[in-house]
């Protein structure tokens, strides 16, 4: 099957499409979704950092995390490390980049989705 995947979605497609597992469930559905999303992209889209107020998210997360136990924190950090390793292994971020920063980039939602789908 030949696909016309938009360049800005190519890394995501590569991360979730594994030719070594052709019978992987939902591959066709994922491909269709990626193609449909690619058709809706706008060239002059605003970066998320300009639209998204990180300070409100930080305040919400700090409030929500008040009851987090040490074991929960360890599990979160373990998942963060795995997500970071996944993104680097799929070349979605550079080897020296940090995914978890105070200023999330505009591709963070796609990166998280790619990691979840790959799991």
Protein backbone atom coordinates (compact mmCIF):
# COMPACT_ATOMS: atom_id res chain seq x y z
CA UNK A 1 0.00 0.00 0.00
CA UNK A 2 1.39 3.40 -0.98
CA UNK A 3 0.52 6.32 1.28
CA UNK A 4 0.84 10.04 0.84
CA UNK A 5 1.64 10.97 4.45
CA UNK A 6 2.15 14.72 5.05
CA UNK A 7 5.75 15.49 6.13
CA UNK A 8 4.66 16.81 9.52
CA UNK A 9 2.94 13.49 10.29
CA UNK A 10 5.59 11.20 8.80
CA UNK A 11 7.40 10.60 12.10
CA UNK A 12 4.13 9.78 13.86
CA UNK A 13 3.16 7.41 11.06
CA UNK A 14 6.57 5.74 11.22
CA UNK A 15 6.27 5.35 14.99
CA UNK A 16 2.94 3.52 14.80
CA UNK A 17 3.32 1.66 11.50
CA UNK A 18 5.49 -1.40 11.88
CA UNK A 19 5.91 -3.37 8.63
CA UNK A 20 7.27 -6.30 10.64
CA UNK A 21 3.81 -6.71 12.19
CA UNK A 22 1.45 -6.36 9.21
CA UNK A 23 -1.46 -7.92 11.09
CA UNK A 24 -1.21 -5.44 13.93
CA UNK A 25 -4.78 -4.46 14.91
CA UNK A 26 -6.14 -1.17 13.64
CA UNK A 27 -3.24 -0.37 11.30
CA UNK A 28 -5.64 0.46 8.47
CA UNK A 29 -7.83 2.55 10.76
CA UNK A 30 -4.80 4.46 12.04
CA UNK A 31 -3.61 5.07 8.49
CA UNK A 32 -7.05 6.37 7.49
CA UNK A 33 -7.14 8.66 10.54
CA UNK A 34 -3.67 10.04 9.79
CA UNK A 35 -4.58 10.73 6.18
CA UNK A 36 -7.81 12.45 7.23
CA UNK A 37 -6.02 14.56 9.83
CA UNK A 38 -3.36 15.49 7.27
CA UNK A 39 -6.06 16.83 4.97
CA UNK A 40 -7.35 19.15 7.71
CA UNK A 41 -3.98 20.73 8.53
CA UNK A 42 -3.62 24.44 8.00
CA UNK A 43 -0.27 25.89 6.95
CA UNK A 44 -0.48 28.99 9.13
CA UNK A 45 -1.45 27.25 12.38
CA UNK A 46 -0.49 29.06 15.59
CA UNK A 47 2.03 27.31 17.84
CA UNK A 48 0.47 25.89 21.00
CA UNK A 49 2.84 27.86 23.22
CA UNK A 50 1.17 31.08 22.06
CA UNK A 51 -2.34 29.75 22.62
CA UNK A 52 -1.92 27.56 25.69
CA UNK A 53 -1.41 29.12 29.12
CA UNK A 54 1.07 26.77 30.81
CA UNK A 55 0.83 28.58 34.15
CA UNK A 56 -2.82 27.55 34.61
CA UNK A 57 -1.95 23.94 33.74
CA UNK A 58 0.94 23.99 36.22
CA UNK A 59 -1.33 25.38 38.95
CA UNK A 60 -3.95 22.69 38.23
CA UNK A 61 -1.37 19.89 38.26
CA UNK A 62 0.20 21.11 41.50
CA UNK A 63 -3.23 21.17 43.14
CA UNK A 64 -4.15 17.74 41.75
CA UNK A 65 -0.86 16.20 42.85
CA UNK A 66 -1.15 17.10 46.53
CA UNK A 67 -2.21 13.55 47.44
CA UNK A 68 0.28 11.73 45.23
CA UNK A 69 2.12 9.01 47.14
CA UNK A 70 5.80 8.16 46.74
CA UNK A 71 4.91 5.01 44.78
CA UNK A 72 2.68 6.99 42.43
CA UNK A 73 5.46 9.50 41.91
CA UNK A 74 7.92 6.67 41.14
CA UNK A 75 5.47 5.22 38.60
CA UNK A 76 4.99 8.62 36.94
CA UNK A 77 8.75 9.08 36.67
CA UNK A 78 9.16 5.56 35.27
CA UNK A 79 6.55 6.30 32.60
CA UNK A 80 8.19 9.64 31.85
CA UNK A 81 11.55 7.90 31.28
CA UNK A 82 9.93 5.29 29.01
CA UNK A 83 8.14 7.98 27.02
CA UNK A 84 11.38 9.94 26.66
CA UNK A 85 13.24 6.79 25.49
CA UNK A 86 10.46 5.95 23.02
CA UNK A 87 10.47 9.43 21.48
CA UNK A 88 14.24 9.33 21.05
CA UNK A 89 14.24 5.78 19.63
CA UNK A 90 11.63 6.78 17.03
CA UNK A 91 13.55 10.00 16.32
CA UNK A 92 10.53 12.11 17.21
CA UNK A 93 12.86 14.21 19.34
CA UNK A 94 16.62 14.67 19.17
CA UNK A 95 18.84 12.55 21.39
CA UNK A 96 19.77 15.56 23.54
CA UNK A 97 16.21 16.99 23.75
CA UNK A 98 14.13 16.81 26.90
CA UNK A 99 10.45 16.06 26.32
CA UNK A 100 9.27 17.24 29.73
CA UNK A 101 9.88 20.97 29.94
CA UNK A 102 8.09 24.01 31.32
CA UNK A 103 7.24 25.07 27.74
CA UNK A 104 5.65 22.15 25.86
CA UNK A 105 6.10 22.27 22.10
CA UNK A 106 3.27 22.20 19.56
CA UNK A 107 3.86 18.50 18.75
CA UNK A 108 3.56 17.24 22.34
CA UNK A 109 -0.02 15.91 21.88
CA UNK A 110 1.05 13.95 18.78
CA UNK A 111 4.09 12.57 20.59
CA UNK A 112 1.98 11.38 23.52
CA UNK A 113 -0.54 9.77 21.15
CA UNK A 114 2.25 8.00 19.25
CA UNK A 115 3.65 6.62 22.52
CA UNK A 116 0.22 5.42 23.69
CA UNK A 117 -0.58 3.78 20.34
CA UNK A 118 2.81 2.08 20.27
CA UNK A 119 2.26 0.62 23.74
